[in-house]
Amino acid sequence: MKATLPHTDILSKPPIISPVTTLISYWTEKRMALQLHAPTRVSSLLAPSGSNVGLRPPSDRFALKSSFFSPSLHLLISPQAFATPKYSMRVASKQTYICRDCGYIYSDRKPFEKLPDNYLCPVCGAPKRRFKVYAPPVNKNANEAAVRKARKAELQRDEAIGQALPIAIGVGVVALAALYFYLNNTF
């Protein structure tokens, strides 16, 4: 008597074709046809192309992908959805600089940092190092003589306060120290 394995009987029978398997094979063929006719930019989730040097390539690229990554779905979505928004990084410098000597405001298109080191103030001839960042908003008539003189007076006032501030702090510390020693010796 000849011994047969149980699985040989299954393989010898012709496959059962049901409507479900027919539908699945139809959609598989349709998807493969779409892949051949319309190339899509589907990147592999398993390993980026060209970066798996020394690694085994994945046996099935779609093994761990869900149906969301189906190429037929990518054909329905417009290519603009995949493209990253294009923003121009060439923005004119909106930061303004002011000359400490005369109050001239530099607010040209060329960024102040890109100017050569030998740049001079067009009004008073001060070197580039005499400019500082100017935060308040600038009007179109910012470099007229009267406006510039008023701004120069304001700058000198601010710098005078800035120079007097360390002296005032020192006097305050000495006064507190004197008060401390007076109170300790009295009581």
Protein backbone atom coordinates (compact mmCIF):
# COMPACT_ATOMS: atom_id res chain seq x y z
CA MET A 1 0.00 0.00 0.00
CA LYS A 2 1.36 3.34 -1.00
CA ALA A 3 1.63 6.02 1.71
CA THR A 4 0.54 9.47 0.71
CA LEU A 5 0.99 12.68 2.56
CA PRO A 6 -2.18 14.54 3.53
CA HIS A 7 -1.21 17.75 1.73
CA THR A 8 -0.65 16.06 -1.63
CA ASP A 9 -4.37 15.49 -1.97
CA ILE A 10 -5.01 19.22 -1.61
CA LEU A 11 -2.43 20.13 -4.21
CA SER A 12 -3.65 17.61 -6.73
CA LYS A 13 -7.16 19.11 -6.76
CA PRO A 14 -7.81 22.06 -9.04
CA PRO A 15 -8.20 25.40 -7.21
CA ILE A 16 -11.70 26.52 -6.39
CA ILE A 17 -12.52 29.76 -8.18
CA SER A 18 -15.03 31.84 -6.32
CA PRO A 19 -16.34 35.33 -7.09
CA VAL A 20 -14.17 36.73 -4.28
CA THR A 21 -10.93 35.32 -5.69
CA THR A 22 -11.92 36.50 -9.17
CA LEU A 23 -12.54 40.02 -7.85
CA ILE A 24 -9.23 40.03 -5.96
CA SER A 25 -7.29 38.88 -9.00
CA TYR A 26 -9.07 41.51 -11.15
CA TRP A 27 -8.09 44.35 -8.78
CA THR A 28 -4.55 43.02 -8.49
CA GLU A 29 -4.20 43.01 -12.27
CA LYS A 30 -5.76 46.48 -12.48
CA ARG A 31 -3.36 47.84 -9.86
CA MET A 32 -0.36 46.31 -11.61
CA ALA A 33 -1.52 47.81 -14.92
CA LEU A 34 -1.82 51.23 -13.29
CA GLN A 35 1.67 50.83 -11.85
CA LEU A 36 3.07 50.07 -15.28
CA HIS A 37 1.35 52.94 -17.09
CA ALA A 38 1.59 55.71 -14.50
CA PRO A 39 4.74 55.79 -12.42
CA THR A 40 4.20 57.19 -8.97
CA ARG A 41 6.54 58.47 -6.35
CA VAL A 42 5.94 55.93 -3.61
CA SER A 43 8.87 55.71 -1.27
CA SER A 44 9.53 52.51 0.58
CA LEU A 45 8.74 52.58 4.27
CA LEU A 46 11.11 49.74 5.02
CA ALA A 47 14.32 51.38 3.87
CA PRO A 48 15.01 54.49 1.85
CA SER A 49 16.49 53.82 -1.55
CA GLY A 50 20.26 53.93 -1.63
CA SER A 51 20.63 54.00 2.13
CA ASN A 52 20.59 50.26 2.84
CA VAL A 53 24.25 49.72 2.01
CA GLY A 54 25.33 46.44 3.59
CA LEU A 55 21.76 45.49 4.46
CA ARG A 56 19.60 42.93 2.76
CA PRO A 57 16.96 44.49 0.56
CA PRO A 58 13.44 43.88 1.83
CA SER A 59 11.84 40.77 0.36
CA ASP A 60 8.50 42.47 -0.24
CA ARG A 61 8.35 46.26 -0.32
CA PHE A 62 4.64 46.31 0.41
CA ALA A 63 4.75 43.77 3.25
CA LEU A 64 4.35 46.30 6.06
CA LYS A 65 2.33 48.90 4.18
CA SER A 66 -1.35 49.42 4.67
CA SER A 67 -3.81 49.89 1.84
CA PHE A 68 -3.45 53.63 2.37
CA PHE A 69 -0.15 53.48 0.49
CA SER A 70 -1.73 51.83 -2.52
CA PRO A 71 -0.43 53.34 -5.78
CA SER A 72 -3.96 53.51 -7.16
CA LEU A 73 -4.86 55.83 -4.29
CA HIS A 74 -1.91 58.03 -5.16
CA LEU A 75 -3.25 58.38 -8.69
CA LEU A 76 -6.50 59.79 -7.32
CA ILE A 77 -4.77 62.38 -5.13
CA SER A 78 -3.39 65.37 -6.98
CA PRO A 79 0.42 65.73 -7.19
CA GLN A 80 0.18 69.11 -5.45
CA ALA A 81 -0.81 67.28 -2.26
CA PHE A 82 2.55 65.50 -2.29
CA ALA A 83 4.65 68.52 -3.16
CA THR A 84 5.93 70.56 -0.28
CA PRO A 85 4.89 74.20 -0.31
CA LYS A 86 7.45 76.38 -2.01
CA TYR A 87 8.45 79.31 0.14
CA SER A 88 11.03 81.78 -0.97
CA MET A 89 13.75 82.26 1.60
CA ARG A 90 15.01 85.42 -0.09
CA VAL A 91 13.27 87.95 2.10
CA ALA A 92 14.56 91.49 2.22
CA SER A 93 16.01 92.43 5.59
CA LYS A 94 13.42 94.41 7.51
CA GLN A 95 15.82 95.11 10.36
CA THR A 96 16.91 98.73 10.47
CA TYR A 97 20.13 100.18 11.85
CA ILE A 98 20.74 103.68 13.17
CA CYS A 99 23.93 105.73 13.22
CA ARG A 100 24.79 106.68 16.80
CA ASP A 101 26.48 109.89 15.70
CA CYS A 102 23.89 111.55 13.47
CA GLY A 103 20.67 109.46 13.68
CA TYR A 104 20.74 108.28 10.04
CA ILE A 105 18.63 105.13 9.57
CA TYR A 106 19.86 102.39 7.22
CA SER A 107 16.87 100.46 5.89
CA ASP A 108 17.88 99.47 2.36
CA ARG A 109 17.13 96.13 0.72
CA LYS A 110 20.68 94.87 1.10
CA PRO A 111 21.07 93.45 4.63
CA PHE A 112 23.32 95.52 6.87
CA GLU A 113 25.42 92.46 7.75
CA LYS A 114 26.28 91.98 4.06
CA LEU A 115 27.74 95.49 3.74
CA PRO A 116 31.55 95.69 3.62
CA ASP A 117 33.43 96.54 6.81
CA ASN A 118 34.57 99.84 5.32
CA TYR A 119 30.96 101.07 4.94
CA LEU A 120 30.56 104.68 6.08
CA CYS A 121 27.47 106.61 7.10
CA PRO A 122 26.38 108.69 4.08
CA VAL A 123 25.53 111.68 6.31
CA CYS A 124 28.37 111.99 8.82
CA GLY A 125 30.96 109.45 7.59
CA ALA A 126 30.86 107.31 10.75
CA PRO A 127 32.19 103.75 10.32
CA LYS A 128 29.94 100.70 10.27
CA ARG A 129 30.71 99.85 13.92
CA ARG A 130 28.93 103.06 15.03
CA PHE A 131 25.56 101.68 13.85
CA LYS A 132 23.22 99.80 16.17
CA VAL A 133 19.94 97.94 15.69
CA TYR A 134 16.93 100.25 15.68
CA ALA A 135 13.62 98.67 16.75
CA PRO A 136 10.90 101.36 16.35
CA PRO A 137 8.98 101.47 13.05
CA VAL A 138 10.50 103.65 10.35
CA ASN A 139 8.61 106.13 8.15
CA LYS A 140 9.47 107.17 4.61
CA ASN A 141 10.78 110.53 5.79
CA ALA A 142 13.00 108.96 8.45
CA ASN A 143 16.21 110.48 7.07
CA GLU A 144 15.07 114.11 6.72
CA ALA A 145 17.23 116.62 8.59
CA ALA A 146 14.66 117.66 11.23
CA VAL A 147 13.61 114.08 12.00
CA ARG A 148 17.24 112.98 12.16
CA LYS A 149 18.15 115.80 14.61
CA ALA A 150 15.25 114.89 16.91
CA ARG A 151 16.27 111.25 16.80
CA LYS A 152 19.91 112.18 17.52
CA ALA A 153 18.82 114.14 20.62
CA GLU A 154 16.79 111.13 21.77
CA LEU A 155 19.78 108.83 21.20
CA GLN A 156 22.07 111.12 23.20
CA ARG A 157 19.51 111.20 26.03
CA ASP A 158 19.30 107.39 26.04
CA GLU A 159 23.08 107.03 26.01
CA ALA A 160 23.41 109.56 28.85
CA ILE A 161 20.98 107.50 30.92
CA GLY A 162 22.90 104.37 29.97
CA GLN A 163 26.17 105.96 31.12
CA ALA A 164 24.68 107.27 34.37
CA LEU A 165 22.96 104.01 35.26
CA PRO A 166 26.10 102.12 36.43
CA ILE A 167 27.11 105.13 38.54
CA ALA A 168 23.65 105.25 40.14
CA ILE A 169 23.79 101.51 40.87
CA GLY A 170 27.21 101.90 42.50
CA VAL A 171 25.99 104.80 44.68
CA GLY A 172 22.94 102.73 45.71
CA VAL A 173 25.09 99.74 46.72
CA VAL A 174 27.41 101.98 48.79
CA ALA A 175 24.38 103.60 50.49
CA LEU A 176 22.91 100.18 51.37
CA ALA A 177 26.26 98.99 52.75
CA ALA A 178 26.58 102.16 54.88
CA LEU A 179 23.02 101.70 56.18
CA TYR A 180 23.78 98.06 57.05
CA PHE A 181 26.93 98.96 59.04
CA TYR A 182 25.15 101.86 60.78
CA LEU A 183 22.24 99.65 61.89
CA ASN A 184 24.58 96.85 63.06
CA ASN A 185 26.70 99.24 65.16
CA THR A 186 23.72 101.11 66.64
CA PHE A 187 21.65 98.13 67.79
